[in-house]
Amino acid sequence: MAERAALPLPDYDHLPIGSLESRVRALTAAEVEEVLAYERAHAHRLPVTELLTARLEQLLSGAEPTSGDPGAVRPEGPGRPNAGSPVSPATSPQPPSPTPHGTPDQRGRPRADRTWR
């Protein structure tokens, strides 16, 4: 098992999961196995072990490591905020008409078998 300084990802212990996901794509199967063994022996974070296991399976199934900068850091944070609904008043449907008398199972006329007192 590798020590932290010998891992193929610099500052591995301080990487957010979002950055780790993009950076493991540049690793070989042997390097992913090394990082996975280190993770299981130390923090054993379930999302990280699942990510590394999935990438290792991809590599063993024939996937190739992608070129990329293993030193690149992707900021961890919220995604792009929604700018609102893509539906405009011109494309929105008409509101449903209200029921004639209260709830959908209670129509405007009383049942014939009821007696009014």
PDB file of N, CA and C in Angstrom:
ATOM      1  N   MET A   1       0.853  -1.179   0.000  1.00  0.00           N
ATOM      2  CA  MET A   1       0.000   0.000   0.000  1.00  0.00           C
ATOM      3  C   MET A   1       0.894   1.236   0.000  1.00  0.00           C
ATOM      4  N   ALA A   2       0.539   2.202  -0.778  1.00  0.00           N
ATOM      5  CA  ALA A   2       1.330   3.421  -0.917  1.00  0.00           C
ATOM      6  C   ALA A   2       1.063   4.375   0.241  1.00  0.00           C
ATOM      7  N   GLU A   3       2.064   5.153   0.517  1.00  0.00           N
ATOM      8  CA  GLU A   3       1.895   6.228   1.486  1.00  0.00           C
ATOM      9  C   GLU A   3       1.317   7.433   0.757  1.00  0.00           C
ATOM     10  N   ARG A   4       0.823   8.379   1.518  1.00  0.00           N
ATOM     11  CA  ARG A   4       0.152   9.543   0.927  1.00  0.00           C
ATOM     12  C   ARG A   4       1.048  10.274  -0.065  1.00  0.00           C
ATOM     13  N   ALA A   5       2.320  10.444   0.239  1.00  0.00           N
ATOM     14  CA  ALA A   5       3.221  11.186  -0.647  1.00  0.00           C
ATOM     15  C   ALA A   5       3.492  10.434  -1.948  1.00  0.00           C
ATOM     16  N   ALA A   6       3.341   9.112  -1.941  1.00  0.00           N
ATOM     17  CA  ALA A   6       3.627   8.318  -3.138  1.00  0.00           C
ATOM     18  C   ALA A   6       2.395   8.080  -4.005  1.00  0.00           C
ATOM     19  N   LEU A   7       1.241   8.590  -3.606  1.00  0.00           N
ATOM     20  CA  LEU A   7       0.029   8.395  -4.396  1.00  0.00           C
ATOM     21  C   LEU A   7       0.124   9.139  -5.724  1.00  0.00           C
ATOM     22  N   PRO A   8      -0.528   8.619  -6.771  1.00  0.00           N
ATOM     23  CA  PRO A   8      -0.459   9.267  -8.079  1.00  0.00           C
ATOM     24  C   PRO A   8      -1.211  10.594  -8.160  1.00  0.00           C
ATOM     25  N   LEU A   9      -2.016  10.920  -7.155  1.00  0.00           N
ATOM     26  CA  LEU A   9      -2.734  12.204  -7.128  1.00  0.00           C
ATOM     27  C   LEU A   9      -2.168  13.068  -6.010  1.00  0.00           C
ATOM     28  N   PRO A  10      -1.577  14.207  -6.356  1.00  0.00           N
ATOM     29  CA  PRO A  10      -1.053  15.088  -5.313  1.00  0.00           C
ATOM     30  C   PRO A  10      -2.188  15.620  -4.432  1.00  0.00           C
ATOM     31  N   ASP A  11      -1.928  15.726  -3.156  1.00  0.00           N
ATOM     32  CA  ASP A  11      -2.897  16.224  -2.166  1.00  0.00           C
ATOM     33  C   ASP A  11      -4.206  15.437  -2.211  1.00  0.00           C
ATOM     34  N   TYR A  12      -4.123  14.130  -2.374  1.00  0.00           N
ATOM     35  CA  TYR A  12      -5.316  13.291  -2.481  1.00  0.00           C
ATOM     36  C   TYR A  12      -6.255  13.474  -1.299  1.00  0.00           C
ATOM     37  N   ASP A  13      -5.704  13.532  -0.096  1.00  0.00           N
ATOM     38  CA  ASP A  13      -6.539  13.627   1.108  1.00  0.00           C
ATOM     39  C   ASP A  13      -7.359  14.907   1.176  1.00  0.00           C
ATOM     40  N   HIS A  14      -6.956  15.924   0.443  1.00  0.00           N
ATOM     41  CA  HIS A  14      -7.641  17.212   0.502  1.00  0.00           C
ATOM     42  C   HIS A  14      -8.509  17.492  -0.716  1.00  0.00           C
ATOM     43  N   LEU A  15      -8.640  16.512  -1.603  1.00  0.00           N
ATOM     44  CA  LEU A  15      -9.441  16.721  -2.813  1.00  0.00           C
ATOM     45  C   LEU A  15     -10.923  16.539  -2.519  1.00  0.00           C
ATOM     46  N   PRO A  16     -11.753  17.466  -2.968  1.00  0.00           N
ATOM     47  CA  PRO A  16     -13.194  17.234  -2.886  1.00  0.00           C
ATOM     48  C   PRO A  16     -13.591  16.175  -3.907  1.00  0.00           C
ATOM     49  N   ILE A  17     -14.705  15.513  -3.666  1.00  0.00           N
ATOM     50  CA  ILE A  17     -15.129  14.413  -4.525  1.00  0.00           C
ATOM     51  C   ILE A  17     -15.330  14.875  -5.965  1.00  0.00           C
ATOM     52  N   GLY A  18     -15.826  16.088  -6.172  1.00  0.00           N
ATOM     53  CA  GLY A  18     -16.018  16.598  -7.531  1.00  0.00           C
ATOM     54  C   GLY A  18     -14.720  16.677  -8.313  1.00  0.00           C
ATOM     55  N   SER A  19     -13.641  17.085  -7.663  1.00  0.00           N
ATOM     56  CA  SER A  19     -12.345  17.148  -8.328  1.00  0.00           C
ATOM     57  C   SER A  19     -11.770  15.760  -8.532  1.00  0.00           C
ATOM     58  N   LEU A  20     -11.985  14.893  -7.566  1.00  0.00           N
ATOM     59  CA  LEU A  20     -11.463  13.533  -7.657  1.00  0.00           C
ATOM     60  C   LEU A  20     -12.069  12.797  -8.843  1.00  0.00           C
ATOM     61  N   GLU A  21     -13.354  13.010  -9.079  1.00  0.00           N
ATOM     62  CA  GLU A  21     -14.053  12.327 -10.167  1.00  0.00           C
ATOM     63  C   GLU A  21     -13.407  12.626 -11.519  1.00  0.00           C
ATOM     64  N   SER A  22     -13.026  13.866 -11.756  1.00  0.00           N
ATOM     65  CA  SER A  22     -12.416  14.210 -13.042  1.00  0.00           C
ATOM     66  C   SER A  22     -10.946  13.809 -13.083  1.00  0.00           C
ATOM     67  N   ARG A  23     -10.279  13.799 -11.948  1.00  0.00           N
ATOM     68  CA  ARG A  23      -8.841  13.523 -11.945  1.00  0.00           C
ATOM     69  C   ARG A  23      -8.506  12.039 -12.039  1.00  0.00           C
ATOM     70  N   VAL A  24      -9.386  11.155 -11.572  1.00  0.00           N
ATOM     71  CA  VAL A  24      -9.081   9.724 -11.662  1.00  0.00           C
ATOM     72  C   VAL A  24      -9.184   9.220 -13.093  1.00  0.00           C
ATOM     73  N   ARG A  25      -9.771   9.972 -13.976  1.00  0.00           N
ATOM     74  CA  ARG A  25      -9.891   9.552 -15.372  1.00  0.00           C
ATOM     75  C   ARG A  25      -8.529   9.483 -16.063  1.00  0.00           C
ATOM     76  N   ALA A  26      -7.531  10.197 -15.532  1.00  0.00           N
ATOM     77  CA  ALA A  26      -6.202  10.188 -16.134  1.00  0.00           C
ATOM     78  C   ALA A  26      -5.333   9.063 -15.585  1.00  0.00           C
ATOM     79  N   LEU A  27      -5.814   8.292 -14.615  1.00  0.00           N
ATOM     80  CA  LEU A  27      -5.018   7.253 -13.980  1.00  0.00           C
ATOM     81  C   LEU A  27      -5.170   5.912 -14.693  1.00  0.00           C
ATOM     82  N   THR A  28      -4.140   5.094 -14.595  1.00  0.00           N
ATOM     83  CA  THR A  28      -4.195   3.730 -15.108  1.00  0.00           C
ATOM     84  C   THR A  28      -4.901   2.844 -14.083  1.00  0.00           C
ATOM     85  N   ALA A  29      -5.176   1.610 -14.461  1.00  0.00           N
ATOM     86  CA  ALA A  29      -5.835   0.677 -13.546  1.00  0.00           C
ATOM     87  C   ALA A  29      -4.981   0.432 -12.307  1.00  0.00           C
ATOM     88  N   ALA A  30      -3.673   0.301 -12.476  1.00  0.00           N
ATOM     89  CA  ALA A  30      -2.782   0.074 -11.336  1.00  0.00           C
ATOM     90  C   ALA A  30      -2.791   1.271 -10.387  1.00  0.00           C
ATOM     91  N   GLU A  31      -2.821   2.471 -10.943  1.00  0.00           N
ATOM     92  CA  GLU A  31      -2.846   3.672 -10.105  1.00  0.00           C
ATOM     93  C   GLU A  31      -4.175   3.798  -9.360  1.00  0.00           C
ATOM     94  N   VAL A  32      -5.290   3.453 -10.033  1.00  0.00           N
ATOM     95  CA  VAL A  32      -6.588   3.501  -9.369  1.00  0.00           C
ATOM     96  C   VAL A  32      -6.633   2.465  -8.246  1.00  0.00           C
ATOM     97  N   GLU A  33      -6.072   1.268  -8.485  1.00  0.00           N
ATOM     98  CA  GLU A  33      -6.013   0.255  -7.435  1.00  0.00           C
ATOM     99  C   GLU A  33      -5.209   0.747  -6.234  1.00  0.00           C
ATOM    100  N   GLU A  34      -4.128   1.456  -6.492  1.00  0.00           N
ATOM    101  CA  GLU A  34      -3.278   2.003  -5.431  1.00  0.00           C
ATOM    102  C   GLU A  34      -4.051   3.034  -4.598  1.00  0.00           C
ATOM    103  N   VAL A  35      -4.760   3.930  -5.279  1.00  0.00           N
ATOM    104  CA  VAL A  35      -5.546   4.948  -4.573  1.00  0.00           C
ATOM    105  C   VAL A  35      -6.707   4.291  -3.810  1.00  0.00           C
ATOM    106  N   LEU A  36      -7.332   3.294  -4.401  1.00  0.00           N
ATOM    107  CA  LEU A  36      -8.431   2.586  -3.751  1.00  0.00           C
ATOM    108  C   LEU A  36      -7.957   1.865  -2.492  1.00  0.00           C
ATOM    109  N   ALA A  37      -6.814   1.215  -2.556  1.00  0.00           N
ATOM    110  CA  ALA A  37      -6.269   0.546  -1.366  1.00  0.00           C
ATOM    111  C   ALA A  37      -5.961   1.559  -0.263  1.00  0.00           C
ATOM    112  N   TYR A  38      -5.415   2.714  -0.652  1.00  0.00           N
ATOM    113  CA  TYR A  38      -5.122   3.764   0.331  1.00  0.00           C
ATOM    114  C   TYR A  38      -6.420   4.278   0.959  1.00  0.00           C
ATOM    115  N   GLU A  39      -7.437   4.496   0.133  1.00  0.00           N
ATOM    116  CA  GLU A  39      -8.718   5.007   0.634  1.00  0.00           C
ATOM    117  C   GLU A  39      -9.359   4.011   1.597  1.00  0.00           C
ATOM    118  N   ARG A  40      -9.346   2.745   1.255  1.00  0.00           N
ATOM    119  CA  ARG A  40      -9.944   1.727   2.129  1.00  0.00           C
ATOM    120  C   ARG A  40      -9.199   1.602   3.449  1.00  0.00           C
ATOM    121  N   ALA A  41      -7.887   1.814   3.433  1.00  0.00           N
ATOM    122  CA  ALA A  41      -7.091   1.696   4.649  1.00  0.00           C
ATOM    123  C   ALA A  41      -7.179   2.932   5.538  1.00  0.00           C
ATOM    124  N   HIS A  42      -7.562   4.059   4.969  1.00  0.00           N
ATOM    125  CA  HIS A  42      -7.556   5.295   5.751  1.00  0.00           C
ATOM    126  C   HIS A  42      -8.968   5.820   6.008  1.00  0.00           C
ATOM    127  N   ALA A  43      -9.517   6.605   5.119  1.00  0.00           N
ATOM    128  CA  ALA A  43     -10.813   7.255   5.369  1.00  0.00           C
ATOM    129  C   ALA A  43     -11.994   6.334   5.075  1.00  0.00           C
ATOM    130  N   HIS A  44     -11.873   5.493   4.073  1.00  0.00           N
ATOM    131  CA  HIS A  44     -12.920   4.547   3.658  1.00  0.00           C
ATOM    132  C   HIS A  44     -14.274   5.254   3.486  1.00  0.00           C
ATOM    133  N   ARG A  45     -14.260   6.350   2.693  1.00  0.00           N
ATOM    134  CA  ARG A  45     -15.479   7.095   2.388  1.00  0.00           C
ATOM    135  C   ARG A  45     -16.236   6.356   1.301  1.00  0.00           C
ATOM    136  N   LEU A  46     -17.475   6.018   1.565  1.00  0.00           N
ATOM    137  CA  LEU A  46     -18.273   5.213   0.641  1.00  0.00           C
ATOM    138  C   LEU A  46     -18.391   5.841  -0.751  1.00  0.00           C
ATOM    139  N   PRO A  47     -18.719   7.153  -0.874  1.00  0.00           N
ATOM    140  CA  PRO A  47     -18.816   7.720  -2.229  1.00  0.00           C
ATOM    141  C   PRO A  47     -17.491   7.641  -2.994  1.00  0.00           C
ATOM    142  N   VAL A  48     -16.378   7.780  -2.289  1.00  0.00           N
ATOM    143  CA  VAL A  48     -15.072   7.742  -2.946  1.00  0.00           C
ATOM    144  C   VAL A  48     -14.731   6.316  -3.367  1.00  0.00           C
ATOM    145  N   THR A  49     -14.978   5.345  -2.482  1.00  0.00           N
ATOM    146  CA  THR A  49     -14.680   3.958  -2.858  1.00  0.00           C
ATOM    147  C   THR A  49     -15.575   3.497  -4.007  1.00  0.00           C
ATOM    148  N   GLU A  50     -16.829   3.940  -4.029  1.00  0.00           N
ATOM    149  CA  GLU A  50     -17.717   3.599  -5.141  1.00  0.00           C
ATOM    150  C   GLU A  50     -17.213   4.214  -6.444  1.00  0.00           C
ATOM    151  N   LEU A  51     -16.770   5.460  -6.379  1.00  0.00           N
ATOM    152  CA  LEU A  51     -16.237   6.140  -7.560  1.00  0.00           C
ATOM    153  C   LEU A  51     -15.000   5.426  -8.083  1.00  0.00           C
ATOM    154  N   LEU A  52     -14.077   5.102  -7.185  1.00  0.00           N
ATOM    155  CA  LEU A  52     -12.841   4.446  -7.596  1.00  0.00           C
ATOM    156  C   LEU A  52     -13.105   3.026  -8.113  1.00  0.00           C
ATOM    157  N   THR A  53     -14.004   2.314  -7.469  1.00  0.00           N
ATOM    158  CA  THR A  53     -14.339   0.958  -7.913  1.00  0.00           C
ATOM    159  C   THR A  53     -14.969   0.986  -9.304  1.00  0.00           C
ATOM    160  N   ALA A  54     -15.884   1.938  -9.525  1.00  0.00           N
ATOM    161  CA  ALA A  54     -16.522   2.061 -10.844  1.00  0.00           C
ATOM    162  C   ALA A  54     -15.484   2.393 -11.914  1.00  0.00           C
ATOM    163  N   ARG A  55     -14.555   3.283 -11.607  1.00  0.00           N
ATOM    164  CA  ARG A  55     -13.529   3.642 -12.600  1.00  0.00           C
ATOM    165  C   ARG A  55     -12.600   2.461 -12.866  1.00  0.00           C
ATOM    166  N   LEU A  56     -12.270   1.703 -11.822  1.00  0.00           N
ATOM    167  CA  LEU A  56     -11.419   0.534 -12.004  1.00  0.00           C
ATOM    168  C   LEU A  56     -12.112  -0.502 -12.897  1.00  0.00           C
ATOM    169  N   GLU A  57     -13.396  -0.708 -12.700  1.00  0.00           N
ATOM    170  CA  GLU A  57     -14.148  -1.641 -13.542  1.00  0.00           C
ATOM    171  C   GLU A  57     -14.163  -1.173 -14.991  1.00  0.00           C
ATOM    172  N   GLN A  58     -14.286   0.140 -15.199  1.00  0.00           N
ATOM    173  CA  GLN A  58     -14.262   0.676 -16.556  1.00  0.00           C
ATOM    174  C   GLN A  58     -12.913   0.393 -17.226  1.00  0.00           C
ATOM    175  N   LEU A  59     -11.848   0.611 -16.476  1.00  0.00           N
ATOM    176  CA  LEU A  59     -10.513   0.403 -17.023  1.00  0.00           C
ATOM    177  C   LEU A  59     -10.268  -1.076 -17.313  1.00  0.00           C
ATOM    178  N   LEU A  60     -10.721  -1.951 -16.429  1.00  0.00           N
ATOM    179  CA  LEU A  60     -10.539  -3.386 -16.635  1.00  0.00           C
ATOM    180  C   LEU A  60     -11.408  -3.903 -17.773  1.00  0.00           C
ATOM    181  N   SER A  61     -12.468  -3.179 -18.105  1.00  0.00           N
ATOM    182  CA  SER A  61     -13.342  -3.560 -19.214  1.00  0.00           C
ATOM    183  C   SER A  61     -12.851  -3.030 -20.554  1.00  0.00           C
ATOM    184  N   GLY A  62     -11.738  -2.322 -20.547  1.00  0.00           N
ATOM    185  CA  GLY A  62     -11.171  -1.857 -21.804  1.00  0.00           C
ATOM    186  C   GLY A  62     -11.119  -0.355 -21.977  1.00  0.00           C
ATOM    187  N   ALA A  63     -11.632   0.405 -21.035  1.00  0.00           N
ATOM    188  CA  ALA A  63     -11.569   1.864 -21.149  1.00  0.00           C
ATOM    189  C   ALA A  63     -10.113   2.318 -21.040  1.00  0.00           C
ATOM    190  N   GLU A  64      -9.799   3.384 -21.702  1.00  0.00           N
ATOM    191  CA  GLU A  64      -8.449   3.945 -21.670  1.00  0.00           C
ATOM    192  C   GLU A  64      -8.428   5.181 -20.775  1.00  0.00           C
ATOM    193  N   PRO A  65      -7.319   5.406 -20.075  1.00  0.00           N
ATOM    194  CA  PRO A  65      -7.212   6.662 -19.334  1.00  0.00           C
ATOM    195  C   PRO A  65      -7.262   7.837 -20.302  1.00  0.00           C
ATOM    196  N   THR A  66      -7.951   8.876 -19.906  1.00  0.00           N
ATOM    197  CA  THR A  66      -8.046  10.055 -20.759  1.00  0.00           C
ATOM    198  C   THR A  66      -6.904  10.999 -20.445  1.00  0.00           C
ATOM    199  N   SER A  67      -6.527  11.777 -21.430  1.00  0.00           N
ATOM    200  CA  SER A  67      -5.483  12.760 -21.168  1.00  0.00           C
ATOM    201  C   SER A  67      -6.086  13.872 -20.339  1.00  0.00           C
ATOM    202  N   GLY A  68      -5.330  14.368 -19.464  1.00  0.00           N
ATOM    203  CA  GLY A  68      -5.805  15.435 -18.600  1.00  0.00           C
ATOM    204  C   GLY A  68      -4.727  15.809 -17.624  1.00  0.00           C
ATOM    205  N   ASP A  69      -4.945  16.847 -16.916  1.00  0.00           N
ATOM    206  CA  ASP A  69      -3.993  17.322 -15.938  1.00  0.00           C
ATOM    207  C   ASP A  69      -4.372  16.778 -14.568  1.00  0.00           C
ATOM    208  N   PRO A  70      -3.598  15.822 -14.025  1.00  0.00           N
ATOM    209  CA  PRO A  70      -3.950  15.310 -12.710  1.00  0.00           C
ATOM    210  C   PRO A  70      -3.799  16.356 -11.610  1.00  0.00           C
ATOM    211  N   GLY A  71      -3.196  17.479 -11.916  1.00  0.00           N
ATOM    212  CA  GLY A  71      -3.054  18.543 -10.930  1.00  0.00           C
ATOM    213  C   GLY A  71      -4.183  19.550 -10.973  1.00  0.00           C
ATOM    214  N   ALA A  72      -5.079  19.400 -11.940  1.00  0.00           N
ATOM    215  CA  ALA A  72      -6.185  20.355 -12.074  1.00  0.00           C
ATOM    216  C   ALA A  72      -7.166  20.170 -10.939  1.00  0.00           C
ATOM    217  N   VAL A  73      -7.657  21.268 -10.429  1.00  0.00           N
ATOM    218  CA  VAL A  73      -8.626  21.226  -9.339  1.00  0.00           C
ATOM    219  C   VAL A  73      -9.916  21.850  -9.816  1.00  0.00           C
ATOM    220  N   ARG A  74     -10.984  21.096  -9.718  1.00  0.00           N
ATOM    221  CA  ARG A  74     -12.302  21.621 -10.060  1.00  0.00           C
ATOM    222  C   ARG A  74     -12.941  22.076  -8.765  1.00  0.00           C
ATOM    223  N   PRO A  75     -13.409  23.307  -8.698  1.00  0.00           N
ATOM    224  CA  PRO A  75     -13.997  23.785  -7.445  1.00  0.00           C
ATOM    225  C   PRO A  75     -15.236  22.995  -7.078  1.00  0.00           C
ATOM    226  N   GLU A  76     -15.357  22.729  -5.806  1.00  0.00           N
ATOM    227  CA  GLU A  76     -16.519  22.010  -5.294  1.00  0.00           C
ATOM    228  C   GLU A  76     -17.514  23.058  -4.838  1.00  0.00           C
ATOM    229  N   GLY A  77     -18.668  23.023  -5.349  1.00  0.00           N
ATOM    230  CA  GLY A  77     -19.660  24.008  -4.951  1.00  0.00           C
ATOM    231  C   GLY A  77     -20.959  23.765  -5.667  1.00  0.00           C
ATOM    232  N   PRO A  78     -21.919  24.615  -5.405  1.00  0.00           N
ATOM    233  CA  PRO A  78     -23.214  24.428  -6.049  1.00  0.00           C
ATOM    234  C   PRO A  78     -23.112  24.654  -7.550  1.00  0.00           C
ATOM    235  N   GLY A  79     -23.965  23.988  -8.262  1.00  0.00           N
ATOM    236  CA  GLY A  79     -24.000  24.140  -9.709  1.00  0.00           C
ATOM    237  C   GLY A  79     -24.567  25.490 -10.105  1.00  0.00           C
ATOM    238  N   ARG A  80     -24.729  25.652 -11.390  1.00  0.00           N
ATOM    239  CA  ARG A  80     -25.265  26.907 -11.906  1.00  0.00           C
ATOM    240  C   ARG A  80     -26.692  27.087 -11.415  1.00  0.00           C
ATOM    241  N   PRO A  81     -27.012  28.271 -10.880  1.00  0.00           N
ATOM    242  CA  PRO A  81     -28.372  28.466 -10.377  1.00  0.00           C
ATOM    243  C   PRO A  81     -29.379  28.463 -11.513  1.00  0.00           C
ATOM    244  N   ASN A  82     -30.554  28.001 -11.206  1.00  0.00           N
ATOM    245  CA  ASN A  82     -31.623  28.009 -12.195  1.00  0.00           C
ATOM    246  C   ASN A  82     -32.090  29.440 -12.425  1.00  0.00           C
ATOM    247  N   ALA A  83     -32.314  29.777 -13.664  1.00  0.00           N
ATOM    248  CA  ALA A  83     -32.732  31.130 -14.011  1.00  0.00           C
ATOM    249  C   ALA A  83     -34.244  31.261 -14.002  1.00  0.00           C
ATOM    250  N   GLY A  84     -34.930  30.241 -13.616  1.00  0.00           N
ATOM    251  CA  GLY A  84     -36.383  30.297 -13.596  1.00  0.00           C
ATOM    252  C   GLY A  84     -36.974  29.219 -14.474  1.00  0.00           C
ATOM    253  N   SER A  85     -38.238  29.250 -14.594  1.00  0.00           N
ATOM    254  CA  SER A  85     -38.953  28.239 -15.356  1.00  0.00           C
ATOM    255  C   SER A  85     -38.826  28.509 -16.851  1.00  0.00           C
ATOM    256  N   PRO A  86     -38.607  27.444 -17.652  1.00  0.00           N
ATOM    257  CA  PRO A  86     -38.562  27.646 -19.099  1.00  0.00           C
ATOM    258  C   PRO A  86     -39.958  27.822 -19.698  1.00  0.00           C
ATOM    259  N   VAL A  87     -40.999  27.694 -18.879  1.00  0.00           N
ATOM    260  CA  VAL A  87     -42.364  27.841 -19.354  1.00  0.00           C
ATOM    261  C   VAL A  87     -42.743  29.315 -19.310  1.00  0.00           C
ATOM    262  N   SER A  88     -43.274  29.801 -20.417  1.00  0.00           N
ATOM    263  CA  SER A  88     -43.724  31.193 -20.460  1.00  0.00           C
ATOM    264  C   SER A  88     -45.248  31.213 -20.386  1.00  0.00           C
ATOM    265  N   PRO A  89     -45.833  32.356 -20.099  1.00  0.00           N
ATOM    266  CA  PRO A  89     -47.299  32.421 -20.081  1.00  0.00           C
ATOM    267  C   PRO A  89     -47.921  32.015 -21.418  1.00  0.00           C
ATOM    268  N   ALA A  90     -47.201  32.238 -22.509  1.00  0.00           N
ATOM    269  CA  ALA A  90     -47.737  31.875 -23.818  1.00  0.00           C
ATOM    270  C   ALA A  90     -47.770  30.361 -24.027  1.00  0.00           C
ATOM    271  N   THR A  91     -46.866  29.626 -23.378  1.00  0.00           N
ATOM    272  CA  THR A  91     -46.798  28.177 -23.572  1.00  0.00           C
ATOM    273  C   THR A  91     -47.381  27.380 -22.409  1.00  0.00           C
ATOM    274  N   SER A  92     -47.816  28.051 -21.364  1.00  0.00           N
ATOM    275  CA  SER A  92     -48.353  27.321 -20.217  1.00  0.00           C
ATOM    276  C   SER A  92     -49.789  26.883 -20.489  1.00  0.00           C
ATOM    277  N   PRO A  93     -50.214  25.768 -19.917  1.00  0.00           N
ATOM    278  CA  PRO A  93     -51.580  25.307 -20.154  1.00  0.00           C
ATOM    279  C   PRO A  93     -52.582  26.158 -19.381  1.00  0.00           C
ATOM    280  N   GLN A  94     -53.824  26.061 -19.797  1.00  0.00           N
ATOM    281  CA  GLN A  94     -54.889  26.775 -19.094  1.00  0.00           C
ATOM    282  C   GLN A  94     -55.115  26.109 -17.734  1.00  0.00           C
ATOM    283  N   PRO A  95     -55.414  26.870 -16.710  1.00  0.00           N
ATOM    284  CA  PRO A  95     -55.675  26.240 -15.415  1.00  0.00           C
ATOM    285  C   PRO A  95     -56.960  25.420 -15.487  1.00  0.00           C
ATOM    286  N   PRO A  96     -57.031  24.348 -14.698  1.00  0.00           N
ATOM    287  CA  PRO A  96     -58.247  23.538 -14.734  1.00  0.00           C
ATOM    288  C   PRO A  96     -59.427  24.313 -14.153  1.00  0.00           C
ATOM    289  N   SER A  97     -60.612  24.010 -14.663  1.00  0.00           N
ATOM    290  CA  SER A  97     -61.794  24.695 -14.142  1.00  0.00           C
ATOM    291  C   SER A  97     -62.143  24.106 -12.776  1.00  0.00           C
ATOM    292  N   PRO A  98     -62.673  24.925 -11.888  1.00  0.00           N
ATOM    293  CA  PRO A  98     -63.004  24.411 -10.563  1.00  0.00           C
ATOM    294  C   PRO A  98     -64.177  23.441 -10.638  1.00  0.00           C
ATOM    295  N   THR A  99     -64.244  22.572  -9.673  1.00  0.00           N
ATOM    296  CA  THR A  99     -65.348  21.622  -9.634  1.00  0.00           C
ATOM    297  C   THR A  99     -66.626  22.379  -9.298  1.00  0.00           C
ATOM    298  N   PRO A 100     -67.786  21.860  -9.715  1.00  0.00           N
ATOM    299  CA  PRO A 100     -69.017  22.613  -9.538  1.00  0.00           C
ATOM    300  C   PRO A 100     -69.445  22.772  -8.080  1.00  0.00           C
ATOM    301  N   HIS A 101     -69.015  21.861  -7.227  1.00  0.00           N
ATOM    302  CA  HIS A 101     -69.512  21.959  -5.858  1.00  0.00           C
ATOM    303  C   HIS A 101     -68.516  21.340  -4.874  1.00  0.00           C
ATOM    304  N   GLY A 102     -67.462  22.015  -4.525  1.00  0.00           N
ATOM    305  CA  GLY A 102     -66.540  21.504  -3.516  1.00  0.00           C
ATOM    306  C   GLY A 102     -65.455  20.616  -4.081  1.00  0.00           C
ATOM    307  N   THR A 103     -65.540  19.342  -3.808  1.00  0.00           N
ATOM    308  CA  THR A 103     -64.503  18.406  -4.220  1.00  0.00           C
ATOM    309  C   THR A 103     -64.948  17.618  -5.445  1.00  0.00           C
ATOM    310  N   PRO A 104     -64.007  16.964  -6.143  1.00  0.00           N
ATOM    311  CA  PRO A 104     -64.377  16.222  -7.354  1.00  0.00           C
ATOM    312  C   PRO A 104     -65.389  15.114  -7.119  1.00  0.00           C
ATOM    313  N   ASP A 105     -65.430  14.520  -5.947  1.00  0.00           N
ATOM    314  CA  ASP A 105     -66.405  13.456  -5.712  1.00  0.00           C
ATOM    315  C   ASP A 105     -67.729  13.999  -5.169  1.00  0.00           C
ATOM    316  N   GLN A 106     -67.836  15.276  -5.038  1.00  0.00           N
ATOM    317  CA  GLN A 106     -69.063  15.893  -4.512  1.00  0.00           C
ATOM    318  C   GLN A 106     -69.608  16.824  -5.597  1.00  0.00           C
ATOM    319  N   ARG A 107     -70.501  16.342  -6.408  1.00  0.00           N
ATOM    320  CA  ARG A 107     -71.026  17.106  -7.517  1.00  0.00           C
ATOM    321  C   ARG A 107     -72.133  18.054  -7.067  1.00  0.00           C
ATOM    322  N   GLY A 108     -72.601  18.837  -7.997  1.00  0.00           N
ATOM    323  CA  GLY A 108     -73.566  19.873  -7.686  1.00  0.00           C
ATOM    324  C   GLY A 108     -74.952  19.385  -7.271  1.00  0.00           C
ATOM    325  N   ARG A 109     -75.362  18.221  -7.697  1.00  0.00           N
ATOM    326  CA  ARG A 109     -76.696  17.724  -7.368  1.00  0.00           C
ATOM    327  C   ARG A 109     -76.591  16.616  -6.323  1.00  0.00           C
ATOM    328  N   PRO A 110     -77.494  16.587  -5.380  1.00  0.00           N
ATOM    329  CA  PRO A 110     -77.446  15.539  -4.357  1.00  0.00           C
ATOM    330  C   PRO A 110     -77.867  14.195  -4.944  1.00  0.00           C
ATOM    331  N   ARG A 111     -77.492  13.144  -4.279  1.00  0.00           N
ATOM    332  CA  ARG A 111     -77.875  11.803  -4.696  1.00  0.00           C
ATOM    333  C   ARG A 111     -79.359  11.587  -4.463  1.00  0.00           C
ATOM    334  N   ALA A 112     -79.938  10.709  -5.245  1.00  0.00           N
ATOM    335  CA  ALA A 112     -81.372  10.441  -5.140  1.00  0.00           C
ATOM    336  C   ALA A 112     -81.720   9.648  -3.888  1.00  0.00           C
ATOM    337  N   ASP A 113     -80.756   8.886  -3.347  1.00  0.00           N
ATOM    338  CA  ASP A 113     -81.077   8.047  -2.195  1.00  0.00           C
ATOM    339  C   ASP A 113     -80.940   8.794  -0.866  1.00  0.00           C
ATOM    340  N   ARG A 114     -80.590  10.036  -0.893  1.00  0.00           N
ATOM    341  CA  ARG A 114     -80.460  10.809   0.355  1.00  0.00           C
ATOM    342  C   ARG A 114     -81.780  11.502   0.680  1.00  0.00           C
ATOM    343  N   THR A 115     -82.071  11.559   1.911  1.00  0.00           N
ATOM    344  CA  THR A 115     -83.252  12.318   2.346  1.00  0.00           C
ATOM    345  C   THR A 115     -82.756  13.560   3.060  1.00  0.00           C
ATOM    346  N   TRP A 116     -83.366  14.664   2.791  1.00  0.00           N
ATOM    347  CA  TRP A 116     -82.978  15.929   3.414  1.00  0.00           C
ATOM    348  C   TRP A 116     -83.868  16.204   4.586  1.00  0.00           C
ATOM    349  N   ARG A 117     -83.292  16.533   5.662  1.00  0.00           N
ATOM    350  CA  ARG A 117     -84.032  16.827   6.889  1.00  0.00           C
ATOM    351  C   ARG A 117     -83.864  18.248   7.294  1.00  0.00           C
TER     352      ARG A 117
END
